[in-house]
Structures are given as C-alpha cells and as structure tokens.
Amino acid sequence: MSELMGILVLTVVVPIWIVFHYIAKMRTARGLTTEDETMLSEIWESTRKMEDRINTLERILDADNPGWRGRS
C-alpha cells in the first residue's frame, strides 16, 4: 500500500506542486523591482540629457553650416 501512495505522490502531487510553485514565482516576478525602477530612471535621465546635447549640436551646426542636413 505504501508503494502505491509513493507512486501516487510522485505522479500526481509532485507535478502539481511544481506547476503551482512556478506559477507563483511568475506572478511575483511580473512587477519591476526597485532596482529595476532606479535603473530605468537613470537611463531615462541619460537619454534626456543626450537628446538635449544632440539638439544643441544641431543648432550649432545649423548656425555654422546651414546646408549640412542635405548632404549625404
């Protein structure tokens, strides 16, 4: 009888437990961690600064050489 219980546990209970375990892990991993949010905030700020610099460079080039955009 104990062999039957062991087989039943291994073939039914353990696979179901594994599936529910990973479902729970996926649910908790869906959101961003505070570290992820901090990293995204830093990337966003760097991107904004880079965009400002590019705009400044384009204004300087427009003033120094107005036809630079049309050149290939």
C-alpha atoms as a PDB file:
ATOM      1  CA  MET A   1       0.000   0.000   0.000  1.00  0.00           C
ATOM      2  CA  SER A   2       2.849   2.432   0.761  1.00  0.00           C
ATOM      3  CA  GLU A   3       4.331   1.783  -2.703  1.00  0.00           C
ATOM      4  CA  LEU A   4       1.030   2.831  -4.236  1.00  0.00           C
ATOM      5  CA  MET A   5       0.985   6.005  -2.126  1.00  0.00           C
ATOM      6  CA  GLY A   6       4.571   6.808  -3.149  1.00  0.00           C
ATOM      7  CA  ILE A   7       3.781   6.338  -6.832  1.00  0.00           C
ATOM      8  CA  LEU A   8       0.636   8.440  -6.456  1.00  0.00           C
ATOM      9  CA  VAL A   9       2.569  11.221  -4.753  1.00  0.00           C
ATOM     10  CA  LEU A  10       5.316  11.164  -7.408  1.00  0.00           C
ATOM     11  CA  THR A  11       2.961  11.064 -10.390  1.00  0.00           C
ATOM     12  CA  VAL A  12       0.196  13.413  -9.203  1.00  0.00           C
ATOM     13  CA  VAL A  13       1.103  15.553  -6.214  1.00  0.00           C
ATOM     14  CA  VAL A  14       4.703  16.494  -7.084  1.00  0.00           C
ATOM     15  CA  PRO A  15       3.977  17.637 -10.677  1.00  0.00           C
ATOM     16  CA  ILE A  16       1.000  19.710  -9.500  1.00  0.00           C
ATOM     17  CA  TRP A  17       3.131  21.247  -6.725  1.00  0.00           C
ATOM     18  CA  ILE A  18       5.890  22.107  -9.236  1.00  0.00           C
ATOM     19  CA  VAL A  19       3.410  23.770 -11.609  1.00  0.00           C
ATOM     20  CA  PHE A  20       1.850  25.870  -8.834  1.00  0.00           C
ATOM     21  CA  HIS A  21       5.291  26.760  -7.479  1.00  0.00           C
ATOM     22  CA  TYR A  22       6.405  28.220 -10.825  1.00  0.00           C
ATOM     23  CA  ILE A  23       3.062  29.951 -11.390  1.00  0.00           C
ATOM     24  CA  ALA A  24       3.533  31.712  -8.057  1.00  0.00           C
ATOM     25  CA  LYS A  25       7.114  32.665  -8.985  1.00  0.00           C
ATOM     26  CA  MET A  26       5.957  34.134 -12.311  1.00  0.00           C
ATOM     27  CA  ARG A  27       3.293  36.212 -10.571  1.00  0.00           C
ATOM     28  CA  THR A  28       5.782  37.722  -8.153  1.00  0.00           C
ATOM     29  CA  ALA A  29       8.309  38.387 -10.936  1.00  0.00           C
ATOM     30  CA  ARG A  30       5.864  40.342 -13.119  1.00  0.00           C
ATOM     31  CA  GLY A  31       6.470  43.695 -11.468  1.00  0.00           C
ATOM     32  CA  LEU A  32       9.609  45.770 -11.544  1.00  0.00           C
ATOM     33  CA  THR A  33      11.900  45.718  -8.571  1.00  0.00           C
ATOM     34  CA  THR A  34      13.036  48.980  -7.017  1.00  0.00           C
ATOM     35  CA  GLU A  35      16.462  48.320  -8.514  1.00  0.00           C
ATOM     36  CA  ASP A  36      14.876  47.999 -11.985  1.00  0.00           C
ATOM     37  CA  GLU A  37      12.914  51.209 -11.477  1.00  0.00           C
ATOM     38  CA  THR A  38      16.062  53.050 -10.394  1.00  0.00           C
ATOM     39  CA  MET A  39      17.961  51.768 -13.418  1.00  0.00           C
ATOM     40  CA  LEU A  40      15.147  52.797 -15.778  1.00  0.00           C
ATOM     41  CA  SER A  41      15.019  56.232 -14.180  1.00  0.00           C
ATOM     42  CA  GLU A  42      18.761  56.676 -14.691  1.00  0.00           C
ATOM     43  CA  ILE A  43      18.515  55.522 -18.302  1.00  0.00           C
ATOM     44  CA  TRP A  44      15.609  57.900 -18.907  1.00  0.00           C
ATOM     45  CA  GLU A  45      17.588  60.827 -17.466  1.00  0.00           C
ATOM     46  CA  SER A  46      20.669  59.931 -19.547  1.00  0.00           C
ATOM     47  CA  THR A  47      18.528  59.727 -22.660  1.00  0.00           C
ATOM     48  CA  ARG A  48      17.006  63.137 -21.956  1.00  0.00           C
ATOM     49  CA  LYS A  49      20.458  64.681 -21.487  1.00  0.00           C
ATOM     50  CA  MET A  50      21.709  63.064 -24.693  1.00  0.00           C
ATOM     51  CA  GLU A  51      18.710  64.405 -26.596  1.00  0.00           C
ATOM     52  CA  ASP A  52      19.422  67.907 -25.268  1.00  0.00           C
ATOM     53  CA  ARG A  53      23.046  67.619 -26.368  1.00  0.00           C
ATOM     54  CA  ILE A  54      22.066  66.434 -29.843  1.00  0.00           C
ATOM     55  CA  ASN A  55      19.634  69.339 -30.194  1.00  0.00           C
ATOM     56  CA  THR A  56      22.375  71.768 -29.121  1.00  0.00           C
ATOM     57  CA  LEU A  57      24.823  70.284 -31.631  1.00  0.00           C
ATOM     58  CA  GLU A  58      22.230  70.538 -34.408  1.00  0.00           C
ATOM     59  CA  ARG A  59      21.610  74.219 -33.570  1.00  0.00           C
ATOM     60  CA  ILE A  60      25.366  74.893 -33.663  1.00  0.00           C
ATOM     61  CA  LEU A  61      25.720  73.089 -36.995  1.00  0.00           C
ATOM     62  CA  ASP A  62      22.709  74.934 -38.416  1.00  0.00           C
ATOM     63  CA  ALA A  63      24.294  78.248 -37.428  1.00  0.00           C
ATOM     64  CA  ASP A  64      27.780  77.378 -38.748  1.00  0.00           C
ATOM     65  CA  ASN A  65      26.800  75.424 -41.831  1.00  0.00           C
ATOM     66  CA  PRO A  66      23.111  75.790 -42.785  1.00  0.00           C
ATOM     67  CA  GLY A  67      23.144  73.144 -45.544  1.00  0.00           C
ATOM     68  CA  TRP A  68      24.681  70.296 -43.534  1.00  0.00           C
ATOM     69  CA  ARG A  69      21.424  68.319 -43.264  1.00  0.00           C
ATOM     70  CA  GLY A  70      21.015  67.933 -47.018  1.00  0.00           C
ATOM     71  CA  ARG A  71      24.416  66.377 -47.591  1.00  0.00           C
ATOM     72  CA  SER A  72      24.725  62.636 -47.992  1.00  0.00           C
END
